[in-house]
């Protein structure tokens, strides 16, 4: 029996192409087309939209995006076993699906896009955080993407939206909330995946906003990473890895050196980064 989009059911596609999920690639496939459609809708109305998808696998989310009206999907897939299955989707939606074989950490989708795009993906667990940091820290802002709708482990999603003073607050919180707004849209249970992971996943929606302050994003990332590298230690100790005098930098920023990273607001981290820049 065909699925609502006229293509074969995903389980049939996986069996026919021998697509057992590989742990080494961080793969967990979503087979419920109602669920993939819900993820696609979380990015907003899709009619005419250009989408970048990372790790489409057998194409469950890809199909939902196209079925609901995306004008173009640029899908980046490292696992060449999935290419034939994705090719069948491309044939079903002529001219609307571009499949790029390669590592998403190395592939630039911009040459395939006509303008601002959305990124919608069930990210492979092993590269999801690194990709997010890259999307959040380009030198130019606003970025090429107009929104991110991404699936993460629930723990990672909570870090993205966490507030100062909470256990989950950390590097991702600061980078995500400095010049964008982030919210958890809904959770996805392990049973929705093949194979089921050991943890609950969450869909996070992120939109760019005007920066709270202009700071070199790479420097901010470096400062925040140093501050949270030793969460239990005071800033006067954790910031030593930056190679500058932490007491002088903190004094210039007006921040008590005995505080810990999790107590700093995002604005205070921005002030701290500017202080480090001034120290040269």
C-alpha atoms as a PDB file:
ATOM      1  CA  UNK A   1       0.000   0.000   0.000  1.00  0.00           C
ATOM      2  CA  UNK A   2       1.322   3.450  -0.918  1.00  0.00           C
ATOM      3  CA  UNK A   3       1.715   6.243   1.609  1.00  0.00           C
ATOM      4  CA  UNK A   4      -0.422   9.411   1.318  1.00  0.00           C
ATOM      5  CA  UNK A   5       2.227  11.015  -0.909  1.00  0.00           C
ATOM      6  CA  UNK A   6       2.005   8.176  -3.429  1.00  0.00           C
ATOM      7  CA  UNK A   7       5.402   6.715  -2.539  1.00  0.00           C
ATOM      8  CA  UNK A   8       5.990   3.312  -0.878  1.00  0.00           C
ATOM      9  CA  UNK A   9       5.851   3.039   2.924  1.00  0.00           C
ATOM     10  CA  UNK A  10       9.184   3.822   4.566  1.00  0.00           C
ATOM     11  CA  UNK A  11       9.541   0.355   6.082  1.00  0.00           C
ATOM     12  CA  UNK A  12       9.305  -1.113   2.591  1.00  0.00           C
ATOM     13  CA  UNK A  13      11.891   1.378   1.312  1.00  0.00           C
ATOM     14  CA  UNK A  14      14.304   0.535   4.136  1.00  0.00           C
ATOM     15  CA  UNK A  15      13.925  -3.205   3.565  1.00  0.00           C
ATOM     16  CA  UNK A  16      14.290  -2.959  -0.196  1.00  0.00           C
ATOM     17  CA  UNK A  17      17.449  -0.869   0.000  1.00  0.00           C
ATOM     18  CA  UNK A  18      18.973  -2.636   3.017  1.00  0.00           C
ATOM     19  CA  UNK A  19      19.087   0.533   5.087  1.00  0.00           C
ATOM     20  CA  UNK A  20      19.755  -0.696   8.604  1.00  0.00           C
ATOM     21  CA  UNK A  21      20.625   2.365  10.703  1.00  0.00           C
ATOM     22  CA  UNK A  22      24.323   2.722  11.476  1.00  0.00           C
ATOM     23  CA  UNK A  23      25.314   3.735  14.989  1.00  0.00           C
ATOM     24  CA  UNK A  24      28.633   5.056  13.644  1.00  0.00           C
ATOM     25  CA  UNK A  25      26.701   7.659  11.635  1.00  0.00           C
ATOM     26  CA  UNK A  26      24.389   8.589  14.505  1.00  0.00           C
ATOM     27  CA  UNK A  27      21.391   7.313  12.557  1.00  0.00           C
ATOM     28  CA  UNK A  28      17.910   6.821  14.005  1.00  0.00           C
ATOM     29  CA  UNK A  29      15.228   6.725  11.323  1.00  0.00           C
ATOM     30  CA  UNK A  30      11.737   8.199  11.714  1.00  0.00           C
ATOM     31  CA  UNK A  31       9.184   6.029   9.910  1.00  0.00           C
ATOM     32  CA  UNK A  32       5.905   7.670  10.972  1.00  0.00           C
ATOM     33  CA  UNK A  33       4.939  10.041   8.153  1.00  0.00           C
ATOM     34  CA  UNK A  34       2.416  11.781  10.416  1.00  0.00           C
ATOM     35  CA  UNK A  35       5.272  12.627  12.776  1.00  0.00           C
ATOM     36  CA  UNK A  36       7.632  13.764  10.030  1.00  0.00           C
ATOM     37  CA  UNK A  37       4.802  15.944   8.700  1.00  0.00           C
ATOM     38  CA  UNK A  38       4.433  17.500  12.151  1.00  0.00           C
ATOM     39  CA  UNK A  39       8.162  18.296  12.233  1.00  0.00           C
ATOM     40  CA  UNK A  40       7.932  19.816   8.766  1.00  0.00           C
ATOM     41  CA  UNK A  41       4.976  21.997   9.809  1.00  0.00           C
ATOM     42  CA  UNK A  42       6.888  23.214  12.871  1.00  0.00           C
ATOM     43  CA  UNK A  43       9.103  25.215  10.516  1.00  0.00           C
ATOM     44  CA  UNK A  44       6.088  27.264   9.359  1.00  0.00           C
ATOM     45  CA  UNK A  45       4.056  27.297   6.119  1.00  0.00           C
ATOM     46  CA  UNK A  46       6.075  25.424   3.501  1.00  0.00           C
ATOM     47  CA  UNK A  47       4.509  26.618   0.254  1.00  0.00           C
ATOM     48  CA  UNK A  48       7.354  28.023  -1.852  1.00  0.00           C
ATOM     49  CA  UNK A  49      10.017  27.581   0.850  1.00  0.00           C
ATOM     50  CA  UNK A  50      13.613  26.504   0.226  1.00  0.00           C
ATOM     51  CA  UNK A  51      14.855  23.959   2.741  1.00  0.00           C
ATOM     52  CA  UNK A  52      18.230  22.531   3.727  1.00  0.00           C
ATOM     53  CA  UNK A  53      18.004  19.084   5.298  1.00  0.00           C
ATOM     54  CA  UNK A  54      20.941  17.291   6.920  1.00  0.00           C
ATOM     55  CA  UNK A  55      20.981  13.507   7.216  1.00  0.00           C
ATOM     56  CA  UNK A  56      17.736  12.646   5.396  1.00  0.00           C
ATOM     57  CA  UNK A  57      18.428   8.899   5.547  1.00  0.00           C
ATOM     58  CA  UNK A  58      15.634   7.042   3.715  1.00  0.00           C
ATOM     59  CA  UNK A  59      13.774  10.334   3.286  1.00  0.00           C
ATOM     60  CA  UNK A  60      10.870  10.376   5.741  1.00  0.00           C
ATOM     61  CA  UNK A  61      11.221  14.060   6.602  1.00  0.00           C
ATOM     62  CA  UNK A  62      12.260  14.870   3.022  1.00  0.00           C
ATOM     63  CA  UNK A  63       8.974  13.461   1.759  1.00  0.00           C
ATOM     64  CA  UNK A  64       6.977  15.422   4.320  1.00  0.00           C
ATOM     65  CA  UNK A  65       8.669  18.692   3.352  1.00  0.00           C
ATOM     66  CA  UNK A  66       7.996  18.181  -0.358  1.00  0.00           C
ATOM     67  CA  UNK A  67       4.498  16.804   0.121  1.00  0.00           C
ATOM     68  CA  UNK A  68       3.542  19.906   2.102  1.00  0.00           C
ATOM     69  CA  UNK A  69       4.727  22.302  -0.567  1.00  0.00           C
ATOM     70  CA  UNK A  70       8.446  23.093  -0.199  1.00  0.00           C
ATOM     71  CA  UNK A  71       9.663  24.512  -3.508  1.00  0.00           C
ATOM     72  CA  UNK A  72      13.112  23.016  -3.068  1.00  0.00           C
ATOM     73  CA  UNK A  73      14.867  20.707  -0.607  1.00  0.00           C
ATOM     74  CA  UNK A  74      18.656  20.500  -0.589  1.00  0.00           C
ATOM     75  CA  UNK A  75      19.403  17.249   1.234  1.00  0.00           C
ATOM     76  CA  UNK A  76      22.943  16.487   2.427  1.00  0.00           C
ATOM     77  CA  UNK A  77      23.524  12.777   3.014  1.00  0.00           C
ATOM     78  CA  UNK A  78      26.819  11.117   3.932  1.00  0.00           C
ATOM     79  CA  UNK A  79      25.568   7.530   3.707  1.00  0.00           C
ATOM     80  CA  UNK A  80      25.619   6.521   0.033  1.00  0.00           C
ATOM     81  CA  UNK A  81      23.377   3.529   0.825  1.00  0.00           C
ATOM     82  CA  UNK A  82      20.527   6.058   1.093  1.00  0.00           C
ATOM     83  CA  UNK A  83      21.098   7.720  -2.272  1.00  0.00           C
ATOM     84  CA  UNK A  84      18.942   5.354  -4.349  1.00  0.00           C
ATOM     85  CA  UNK A  85      15.999   5.796  -1.976  1.00  0.00           C
ATOM     86  CA  UNK A  86      16.406   9.570  -2.110  1.00  0.00           C
ATOM     87  CA  UNK A  87      16.681   9.352  -5.890  1.00  0.00           C
ATOM     88  CA  UNK A  88      13.219   7.779  -6.009  1.00  0.00           C
ATOM     89  CA  UNK A  89      11.845  10.765  -4.085  1.00  0.00           C
ATOM     90  CA  UNK A  90      13.601  13.159  -6.472  1.00  0.00           C
ATOM     91  CA  UNK A  91      11.976  11.398  -9.417  1.00  0.00           C
ATOM     92  CA  UNK A  92       8.573  11.696  -7.734  1.00  0.00           C
ATOM     93  CA  UNK A  93       9.075  15.460  -7.249  1.00  0.00           C
ATOM     94  CA  UNK A  94      10.927  16.525 -10.429  1.00  0.00           C
ATOM     95  CA  UNK A  95      13.225  19.509  -9.995  1.00  0.00           C
ATOM     96  CA  UNK A  96      12.411  19.996  -6.317  1.00  0.00           C
ATOM     97  CA  UNK A  97      14.932  17.741  -4.535  1.00  0.00           C
ATOM     98  CA  UNK A  98      18.705  18.148  -4.778  1.00  0.00           C
ATOM     99  CA  UNK A  99      20.662  15.383  -3.065  1.00  0.00           C
ATOM    100  CA  UNK A 100      24.294  16.085  -2.182  1.00  0.00           C
ATOM    101  CA  UNK A 101      26.454  13.188  -1.090  1.00  0.00           C
ATOM    102  CA  UNK A 102      28.892  14.367   1.534  1.00  0.00           C
ATOM    103  CA  UNK A 103      29.624  15.355   5.127  1.00  0.00           C
ATOM    104  CA  UNK A 104      27.417  18.214   6.300  1.00  0.00           C
ATOM    105  CA  UNK A 105      30.405  19.632   8.189  1.00  0.00           C
ATOM    106  CA  UNK A 106      32.153  20.120   4.846  1.00  0.00           C
ATOM    107  CA  UNK A 107      29.344  20.734   2.317  1.00  0.00           C
ATOM    108  CA  UNK A 108      28.243  24.290   1.483  1.00  0.00           C
ATOM    109  CA  UNK A 109      24.571  24.313   0.413  1.00  0.00           C
ATOM    110  CA  UNK A 110      24.541  27.999  -0.574  1.00  0.00           C
ATOM    111  CA  UNK A 111      25.317  27.476  -4.293  1.00  0.00           C
ATOM    112  CA  UNK A 112      22.111  25.429  -4.545  1.00  0.00           C
ATOM    113  CA  UNK A 113      19.853  28.033  -2.928  1.00  0.00           C
ATOM    114  CA  UNK A 114      18.106  30.990  -4.490  1.00  0.00           C
ATOM    115  CA  UNK A 115      17.824  33.017  -1.297  1.00  0.00           C
ATOM    116  CA  UNK A 116      17.208  32.697   2.438  1.00  0.00           C
ATOM    117  CA  UNK A 117      16.420  29.119   3.430  1.00  0.00           C
ATOM    118  CA  UNK A 118      15.175  27.200   6.402  1.00  0.00           C
ATOM    119  CA  UNK A 119      17.145  24.347   7.893  1.00  0.00           C
ATOM    120  CA  UNK A 120      14.913  21.452   8.920  1.00  0.00           C
ATOM    121  CA  UNK A 121      16.521  18.222  10.081  1.00  0.00           C
ATOM    122  CA  UNK A 122      16.500  15.207  12.316  1.00  0.00           C
ATOM    123  CA  UNK A 123      20.200  15.766  12.954  1.00  0.00           C
ATOM    124  CA  UNK A 124      22.576  12.824  13.312  1.00  0.00           C
ATOM    125  CA  UNK A 125      23.400  12.722  17.013  1.00  0.00           C
ATOM    126  CA  UNK A 126      27.154  12.660  16.460  1.00  0.00           C
ATOM    127  CA  UNK A 127      27.388  16.010  14.617  1.00  0.00           C
ATOM    128  CA  UNK A 128      24.241  17.845  15.697  1.00  0.00           C
ATOM    129  CA  UNK A 129      25.824  20.117  18.315  1.00  0.00           C
ATOM    130  CA  UNK A 130      28.782  21.067  16.139  1.00  0.00           C
ATOM    131  CA  UNK A 131      26.502  21.959  13.241  1.00  0.00           C
ATOM    132  CA  UNK A 132      24.304  24.069  15.497  1.00  0.00           C
ATOM    133  CA  UNK A 133      27.283  26.042  16.818  1.00  0.00           C
ATOM    134  CA  UNK A 134      28.426  26.720  13.252  1.00  0.00           C
ATOM    135  CA  UNK A 135      24.965  27.938  12.227  1.00  0.00           C
ATOM    136  CA  UNK A 136      24.800  30.200  15.293  1.00  0.00           C
ATOM    137  CA  UNK A 137      28.257  31.774  14.920  1.00  0.00           C
ATOM    138  CA  UNK A 138      28.764  32.979  11.333  1.00  0.00           C
ATOM    139  CA  UNK A 139      30.615  36.312  11.069  1.00  0.00           C
ATOM    140  CA  UNK A 140      27.722  37.915   9.175  1.00  0.00           C
ATOM    141  CA  UNK A 141      24.266  38.388  10.717  1.00  0.00           C
ATOM    142  CA  UNK A 142      21.483  37.798   9.838  1.00  0.00           C
ATOM    143  CA  UNK A 143      22.621  34.390   8.566  1.00  0.00           C
ATOM    144  CA  UNK A 144      21.665  32.622   5.331  1.00  0.00           C
ATOM    145  CA  UNK A 145      18.989  30.698   7.233  1.00  0.00           C
ATOM    146  CA  UNK A 146      15.690  32.270   8.241  1.00  0.00           C
ATOM    147  CA  UNK A 147      14.921  29.566  10.812  1.00  0.00           C
ATOM    148  CA  UNK A 148      16.225  26.300  12.234  1.00  0.00           C
ATOM    149  CA  UNK A 149      13.819  23.455  13.046  1.00  0.00           C
ATOM    150  CA  UNK A 150      15.963  20.693  14.461  1.00  0.00           C
ATOM    151  CA  UNK A 151      15.660  17.434  16.343  1.00  0.00           C
ATOM    152  CA  UNK A 152      18.033  16.904  19.276  1.00  0.00           C
ATOM    153  CA  UNK A 153      18.275  14.692  22.303  1.00  0.00           C
ATOM    154  CA  UNK A 154      16.049  16.267  24.966  1.00  0.00           C
ATOM    155  CA  UNK A 155      19.099  17.071  27.112  1.00  0.00           C
ATOM    156  CA  UNK A 156      20.659  19.113  24.295  1.00  0.00           C
ATOM    157  CA  UNK A 157      17.365  20.887  23.578  1.00  0.00           C
ATOM    158  CA  UNK A 158      17.107  21.901  27.230  1.00  0.00           C
ATOM    159  CA  UNK A 159      20.625  23.355  27.094  1.00  0.00           C
ATOM    160  CA  UNK A 160      19.696  25.488  24.082  1.00  0.00           C
ATOM    161  CA  UNK A 161      16.778  27.195  25.869  1.00  0.00           C
ATOM    162  CA  UNK A 162      18.162  27.174  29.440  1.00  0.00           C
ATOM    163  CA  UNK A 163      18.255  30.321  31.576  1.00  0.00           C
ATOM    164  CA  UNK A 164      21.124  31.551  33.800  1.00  0.00           C
ATOM    165  CA  UNK A 165      21.380  29.870  37.168  1.00  0.00           C
ATOM    166  CA  UNK A 166      20.029  26.523  35.961  1.00  0.00           C
ATOM    167  CA  UNK A 167      21.893  23.269  35.654  1.00  0.00           C
ATOM    168  CA  UNK A 168      21.351  23.103  31.879  1.00  0.00           C
ATOM    169  CA  UNK A 169      22.638  26.643  31.235  1.00  0.00           C
ATOM    170  CA  UNK A 170      25.891  26.621  29.306  1.00  0.00           C
ATOM    171  CA  UNK A 171      27.691  27.299  26.032  1.00  0.00           C
ATOM    172  CA  UNK A 172      24.739  26.418  23.782  1.00  0.00           C
ATOM    173  CA  UNK A 173      22.386  28.599  25.822  1.00  0.00           C
ATOM    174  CA  UNK A 174      24.539  31.689  25.371  1.00  0.00           C
ATOM    175  CA  UNK A 175      25.287  31.151  21.682  1.00  0.00           C
ATOM    176  CA  UNK A 176      21.651  30.362  20.842  1.00  0.00           C
ATOM    177  CA  UNK A 177      20.142  33.272  22.751  1.00  0.00           C
ATOM    178  CA  UNK A 178      22.698  35.984  21.948  1.00  0.00           C
ATOM    179  CA  UNK A 179      21.193  36.787  18.548  1.00  0.00           C
ATOM    180  CA  UNK A 180      18.304  34.383  18.118  1.00  0.00           C
ATOM    181  CA  UNK A 181      15.215  33.132  19.948  1.00  0.00           C
ATOM    182  CA  UNK A 182      14.808  29.441  20.697  1.00  0.00           C
ATOM    183  CA  UNK A 183      11.954  27.303  21.954  1.00  0.00           C
ATOM    184  CA  UNK A 184      11.200  23.611  22.337  1.00  0.00           C
ATOM    185  CA  UNK A 185       8.199  22.791  20.142  1.00  0.00           C
ATOM    186  CA  UNK A 186       7.444  19.206  21.168  1.00  0.00           C
ATOM    187  CA  UNK A 187       9.030  15.958  22.363  1.00  0.00           C
ATOM    188  CA  UNK A 188       9.412  12.724  20.402  1.00  0.00           C
ATOM    189  CA  UNK A 189       9.526   9.406  22.305  1.00  0.00           C
ATOM    190  CA  UNK A 190      12.229   6.790  21.627  1.00  0.00           C
ATOM    191  CA  UNK A 191       9.587   4.418  20.237  1.00  0.00           C
ATOM    192  CA  UNK A 192       9.153   6.702  17.202  1.00  0.00           C
ATOM    193  CA  UNK A 193      12.602   5.797  15.895  1.00  0.00           C
ATOM    194  CA  UNK A 194      14.215   2.759  14.300  1.00  0.00           C
ATOM    195  CA  UNK A 195      16.264   1.736  16.170  1.00  0.00           C
ATOM    196  CA  UNK A 196      14.852   3.443  19.275  1.00  0.00           C
ATOM    197  CA  UNK A 197      17.446   5.583  21.090  1.00  0.00           C
ATOM    198  CA  UNK A 198      17.758   5.410  24.860  1.00  0.00           C
ATOM    199  CA  UNK A 199      16.543   8.970  25.363  1.00  0.00           C
ATOM    200  CA  UNK A 200      13.638  11.235  24.470  1.00  0.00           C
ATOM    201  CA  UNK A 201      14.215  13.673  21.607  1.00  0.00           C
ATOM    202  CA  UNK A 202      12.885  17.199  21.150  1.00  0.00           C
ATOM    203  CA  UNK A 203      12.194  19.467  18.195  1.00  0.00           C
ATOM    204  CA  UNK A 204      13.660  22.949  18.666  1.00  0.00           C
ATOM    205  CA  UNK A 205      12.718  26.007  16.600  1.00  0.00           C
ATOM    206  CA  UNK A 206      15.211  28.885  16.369  1.00  0.00           C
ATOM    207  CA  UNK A 207      14.803  32.243  14.634  1.00  0.00           C
ATOM    208  CA  UNK A 208      17.483  34.929  14.194  1.00  0.00           C
ATOM    209  CA  UNK A 209      16.986  38.231  16.023  1.00  0.00           C
ATOM    210  CA  UNK A 210      19.036  41.440  16.170  1.00  0.00           C
ATOM    211  CA  UNK A 211      22.157  40.827  18.298  1.00  0.00           C
ATOM    212  CA  UNK A 212      22.044  42.035  21.901  1.00  0.00           C
ATOM    213  CA  UNK A 213      25.507  43.483  21.226  1.00  0.00           C
ATOM    214  CA  UNK A 214      28.097  43.253  18.478  1.00  0.00           C
ATOM    215  CA  UNK A 215      30.808  40.782  19.465  1.00  0.00           C
ATOM    216  CA  UNK A 216      33.178  38.614  17.458  1.00  0.00           C
ATOM    217  CA  UNK A 217      31.266  35.310  17.443  1.00  0.00           C
ATOM    218  CA  UNK A 218      34.413  33.183  17.484  1.00  0.00           C
ATOM    219  CA  UNK A 219      35.762  35.085  20.464  1.00  0.00           C
ATOM    220  CA  UNK A 220      32.453  34.807  22.296  1.00  0.00           C
ATOM    221  CA  UNK A 221      32.420  31.070  21.664  1.00  0.00           C
ATOM    222  CA  UNK A 222      35.981  30.799  22.995  1.00  0.00           C
ATOM    223  CA  UNK A 223      35.187  32.818  26.126  1.00  0.00           C
ATOM    224  CA  UNK A 224      31.998  30.910  26.895  1.00  0.00           C
ATOM    225  CA  UNK A 225      33.688  27.543  26.307  1.00  0.00           C
ATOM    226  CA  UNK A 226      36.491  28.483  28.710  1.00  0.00           C
ATOM    227  CA  UNK A 227      34.074  29.732  31.355  1.00  0.00           C
ATOM    228  CA  UNK A 228      32.002  26.545  31.303  1.00  0.00           C
ATOM    229  CA  UNK A 229      34.947  24.153  30.912  1.00  0.00           C
ATOM    230  CA  UNK A 230      35.208  24.035  34.709  1.00  0.00           C
ATOM    231  CA  UNK A 231      31.674  24.754  35.865  1.00  0.00           C
ATOM    232  CA  UNK A 232      32.428  24.266  39.553  1.00  0.00           C
ATOM    233  CA  UNK A 233      35.343  26.692  39.569  1.00  0.00           C
ATOM    234  CA  UNK A 234      35.274  30.450  39.934  1.00  0.00           C
ATOM    235  CA  UNK A 235      35.753  32.549  36.809  1.00  0.00           C
ATOM    236  CA  UNK A 236      39.167  33.711  37.998  1.00  0.00           C
ATOM    237  CA  UNK A 237      40.278  30.108  37.600  1.00  0.00           C
ATOM    238  CA  UNK A 238      38.279  28.863  34.587  1.00  0.00           C
ATOM    239  CA  UNK A 239      39.261  31.835  32.397  1.00  0.00           C
ATOM    240  CA  UNK A 240      42.997  31.209  32.762  1.00  0.00           C
ATOM    241  CA  UNK A 241      42.855  28.991  29.653  1.00  0.00           C
ATOM    242  CA  UNK A 242      42.230  32.119  27.544  1.00  0.00           C
ATOM    243  CA  UNK A 243      45.849  33.155  28.000  1.00  0.00           C
ATOM    244  CA  UNK A 244      44.976  36.586  29.409  1.00  0.00           C
ATOM    245  CA  UNK A 245      44.957  37.879  32.979  1.00  0.00           C
ATOM    246  CA  UNK A 246      41.523  36.767  34.199  1.00  0.00           C
ATOM    247  CA  UNK A 247      41.460  39.192  37.126  1.00  0.00           C
ATOM    248  CA  UNK A 248      42.185  42.162  34.877  1.00  0.00           C
ATOM    249  CA  UNK A 249      39.645  41.095  32.283  1.00  0.00           C
ATOM    250  CA  UNK A 250      36.944  40.505  34.895  1.00  0.00           C
ATOM    251  CA  UNK A 251      37.655  43.819  36.603  1.00  0.00           C
ATOM    252  CA  UNK A 252      37.385  45.628  33.273  1.00  0.00           C
ATOM    253  CA  UNK A 253      34.037  43.893  32.677  1.00  0.00           C
ATOM    254  CA  UNK A 254      32.802  44.723  36.188  1.00  0.00           C
ATOM    255  CA  UNK A 255      32.282  41.059  37.057  1.00  0.00           C
ATOM    256  CA  UNK A 256      33.144  39.562  40.459  1.00  0.00           C
ATOM    257  CA  UNK A 257      35.973  37.032  39.881  1.00  0.00           C
ATOM    258  CA  UNK A 258      34.513  34.668  42.482  1.00  0.00           C
ATOM    259  CA  UNK A 259      31.349  34.088  40.440  1.00  0.00           C
ATOM    260  CA  UNK A 260      30.796  30.917  38.432  1.00  0.00           C
ATOM    261  CA  UNK A 261      29.902  30.774  34.747  1.00  0.00           C
ATOM    262  CA  UNK A 262      26.336  29.577  35.255  1.00  0.00           C
ATOM    263  CA  UNK A 263      25.467  32.774  37.171  1.00  0.00           C
ATOM    264  CA  UNK A 264      26.382  35.141  34.328  1.00  0.00           C
ATOM    265  CA  UNK A 265      23.647  36.525  32.121  1.00  0.00           C
ATOM    266  CA  UNK A 266      24.083  36.524  28.365  1.00  0.00           C
ATOM    267  CA  UNK A 267      24.673  40.293  28.439  1.00  0.00           C
ATOM    268  CA  UNK A 268      27.445  39.787  30.996  1.00  0.00           C
ATOM    269  CA  UNK A 269      29.089  37.197  28.739  1.00  0.00           C
ATOM    270  CA  UNK A 270      28.982  39.725  25.897  1.00  0.00           C
ATOM    271  CA  UNK A 271      30.605  42.339  28.133  1.00  0.00           C
ATOM    272  CA  UNK A 272      33.218  39.785  29.152  1.00  0.00           C
ATOM    273  CA  UNK A 273      34.002  38.937  25.546  1.00  0.00           C
ATOM    274  CA  UNK A 274      34.472  42.628  24.726  1.00  0.00           C
ATOM    275  CA  UNK A 275      36.778  42.940  27.741  1.00  0.00           C
ATOM    276  CA  UNK A 276      38.889  40.007  26.499  1.00  0.00           C
ATOM    277  CA  UNK A 277      39.050  41.630  23.064  1.00  0.00           C
ATOM    278  CA  UNK A 278      40.211  44.913  24.624  1.00  0.00           C
ATOM    279  CA  UNK A 279      42.922  43.064  26.554  1.00  0.00           C
ATOM    280  CA  UNK A 280      44.248  41.888  23.196  1.00  0.00           C
END
